[in-house]
Amino acid sequence: MKIRLLTDDEHSALGAELSGMEARLSIDGSRESHRAMWKEAVSDPSIAVLILSRTVYEDLIDWAQDHQKSGKAPLLIQLPDYGE
């Protein structure tokens, strides 16, 4: 079982990888990029926990909330921005 972070912040991605997690970094920060990362992550049965940075979560809020209501894996966690 894996833990993966979806983010558009390079520092968060680096920190996740240094701690042993997988990280996917959206270089352009676009909604389309966030949705592509989301689709890849939720279709991977080896991912148990999916952590979303605040900006990614906000772009995917409808999808994320629907997923949480479904009770399916992976478990979603929203990562607050630094200082929140």
C-alpha atoms as a PDB file:
ATOM      1  CA  MET A   1       0.000   0.000   0.000  1.00  0.00           C
ATOM      2  CA  LYS A   2       1.321   3.388  -1.023  1.00  0.00           C
ATOM      3  CA  ILE A   3       0.870   6.979   0.048  1.00  0.00           C
ATOM      4  CA  ARG A   4       0.912   9.569  -2.730  1.00  0.00           C
ATOM      5  CA  LEU A   5       0.915  13.354  -2.654  1.00  0.00           C
ATOM      6  CA  LEU A   6      -0.620  15.426  -5.445  1.00  0.00           C
ATOM      7  CA  THR A   7       0.734  18.969  -5.370  1.00  0.00           C
ATOM      8  CA  ASP A   8       1.888  21.947  -7.386  1.00  0.00           C
ATOM      9  CA  ASP A   9       4.521  22.940  -4.819  1.00  0.00           C
ATOM     10  CA  GLU A  10       8.053  21.704  -5.475  1.00  0.00           C
ATOM     11  CA  HIS A  11       9.067  21.851  -1.801  1.00  0.00           C
ATOM     12  CA  SER A  12       6.114  19.729  -0.706  1.00  0.00           C
ATOM     13  CA  ALA A  13       6.855  17.166  -3.418  1.00  0.00           C
ATOM     14  CA  LEU A  14      10.516  16.970  -2.408  1.00  0.00           C
ATOM     15  CA  GLY A  15       9.622  16.604   1.281  1.00  0.00           C
ATOM     16  CA  ALA A  16       7.162  13.829   0.500  1.00  0.00           C
ATOM     17  CA  GLU A  17       9.691  11.934  -1.569  1.00  0.00           C
ATOM     18  CA  LEU A  18      12.379  12.313   1.094  1.00  0.00           C
ATOM     19  CA  SER A  19       9.983  10.819   3.639  1.00  0.00           C
ATOM     20  CA  GLY A  20       9.310   7.784   1.449  1.00  0.00           C
ATOM     21  CA  MET A  21       6.031   8.806  -0.162  1.00  0.00           C
ATOM     22  CA  GLU A  22       5.322   9.056  -3.838  1.00  0.00           C
ATOM     23  CA  ALA A  23       4.679  12.560  -5.140  1.00  0.00           C
ATOM     24  CA  ARG A  24       3.204  13.868  -8.356  1.00  0.00           C
ATOM     25  CA  LEU A  25       4.037  17.459  -9.160  1.00  0.00           C
ATOM     26  CA  SER A  26       1.876  19.610 -11.408  1.00  0.00           C
ATOM     27  CA  ILE A  27       4.382  21.871 -13.120  1.00  0.00           C
ATOM     28  CA  ASP A  28       1.859  24.222 -14.704  1.00  0.00           C
ATOM     29  CA  GLY A  29      -0.675  24.132 -11.844  1.00  0.00           C
ATOM     30  CA  SER A  30      -3.601  23.879 -14.252  1.00  0.00           C
ATOM     31  CA  ARG A  31      -6.919  22.259 -13.443  1.00  0.00           C
ATOM     32  CA  GLU A  32      -6.400  19.841 -16.347  1.00  0.00           C
ATOM     33  CA  SER A  33      -3.064  18.740 -14.902  1.00  0.00           C
ATOM     34  CA  HIS A  34      -4.634  18.255 -11.458  1.00  0.00           C
ATOM     35  CA  ARG A  35      -7.456  16.186 -12.941  1.00  0.00           C
ATOM     36  CA  ALA A  36      -5.019  13.991 -14.863  1.00  0.00           C
ATOM     37  CA  MET A  37      -3.027  13.325 -11.674  1.00  0.00           C
ATOM     38  CA  TRP A  38      -6.279  12.565  -9.826  1.00  0.00           C
ATOM     39  CA  LYS A  39      -7.521  10.086 -12.423  1.00  0.00           C
ATOM     40  CA  GLU A  40      -4.198   8.253 -12.399  1.00  0.00           C
ATOM     41  CA  ALA A  41      -4.098   8.091  -8.592  1.00  0.00           C
ATOM     42  CA  VAL A  42      -7.653   6.907  -7.907  1.00  0.00           C
ATOM     43  CA  SER A  43      -7.394   4.225 -10.590  1.00  0.00           C
ATOM     44  CA  ASP A  44      -4.231   2.744  -9.000  1.00  0.00           C
ATOM     45  CA  PRO A  45      -5.319   0.045  -6.526  1.00  0.00           C
ATOM     46  CA  SER A  46      -1.939   0.100  -4.757  1.00  0.00           C
ATOM     47  CA  ILE A  47      -2.545   3.615  -3.375  1.00  0.00           C
ATOM     48  CA  ALA A  48      -4.100   3.505   0.099  1.00  0.00           C
ATOM     49  CA  VAL A  49      -3.759   7.180   1.053  1.00  0.00           C
ATOM     50  CA  LEU A  50      -3.936  10.149  -1.296  1.00  0.00           C
ATOM     51  CA  ILE A  51      -2.795  13.498   0.060  1.00  0.00           C
ATOM     52  CA  LEU A  52      -3.903  16.599  -1.827  1.00  0.00           C
ATOM     53  CA  SER A  53      -2.324  20.013  -1.403  1.00  0.00           C
ATOM     54  CA  ARG A  54      -4.825  22.810  -0.784  1.00  0.00           C
ATOM     55  CA  THR A  55      -4.658  24.167  -4.325  1.00  0.00           C
ATOM     56  CA  VAL A  56      -5.109  20.726  -5.882  1.00  0.00           C
ATOM     57  CA  TYR A  57      -7.968  19.961  -3.486  1.00  0.00           C
ATOM     58  CA  GLU A  58      -9.714  23.228  -4.377  1.00  0.00           C
ATOM     59  CA  ASP A  59      -9.498  22.420  -8.110  1.00  0.00           C
ATOM     60  CA  LEU A  60     -10.902  18.933  -7.479  1.00  0.00           C
ATOM     61  CA  ILE A  61     -13.291  19.697  -4.629  1.00  0.00           C
ATOM     62  CA  ASP A  62     -16.380  18.203  -6.295  1.00  0.00           C
ATOM     63  CA  TRP A  63     -14.552  15.035  -7.301  1.00  0.00           C
ATOM     64  CA  ALA A  64     -12.853  14.747  -3.906  1.00  0.00           C
ATOM     65  CA  GLN A  65     -16.092  15.157  -1.963  1.00  0.00           C
ATOM     66  CA  ASP A  66     -17.894  12.621  -4.156  1.00  0.00           C
ATOM     67  CA  HIS A  67     -15.020  10.197  -3.638  1.00  0.00           C
ATOM     68  CA  GLN A  68     -15.090  10.680   0.140  1.00  0.00           C
ATOM     69  CA  LYS A  69     -18.843  10.038   0.237  1.00  0.00           C
ATOM     70  CA  SER A  70     -18.382   6.809  -1.733  1.00  0.00           C
ATOM     71  CA  GLY A  71     -16.180   5.337   1.002  1.00  0.00           C
ATOM     72  CA  LYS A  72     -13.821   3.839  -1.567  1.00  0.00           C
ATOM     73  CA  ALA A  73     -10.049   3.730  -1.385  1.00  0.00           C
ATOM     74  CA  PRO A  74      -7.848   5.661  -1.364  1.00  0.00           C
ATOM     75  CA  LEU A  75      -8.363   7.646   1.802  1.00  0.00           C
ATOM     76  CA  LEU A  76      -8.132  11.387   1.042  1.00  0.00           C
ATOM     77  CA  ILE A  77      -6.250  13.880   3.190  1.00  0.00           C
ATOM     78  CA  GLN A  78      -6.033  17.601   2.514  1.00  0.00           C
ATOM     79  CA  LEU A  79      -2.618  19.114   3.191  1.00  0.00           C
ATOM     80  CA  PRO A  80      -2.829  22.731   4.392  1.00  0.00           C
ATOM     81  CA  ASP A  81      -0.505  25.352   2.985  1.00  0.00           C
ATOM     82  CA  TYR A  82       2.541  26.282   4.989  1.00  0.00           C
ATOM     83  CA  GLY A  83       1.527  28.485   7.923  1.00  0.00           C
ATOM     84  CA  GLU A  84      -2.156  27.476   7.986  1.00  0.00           C
END
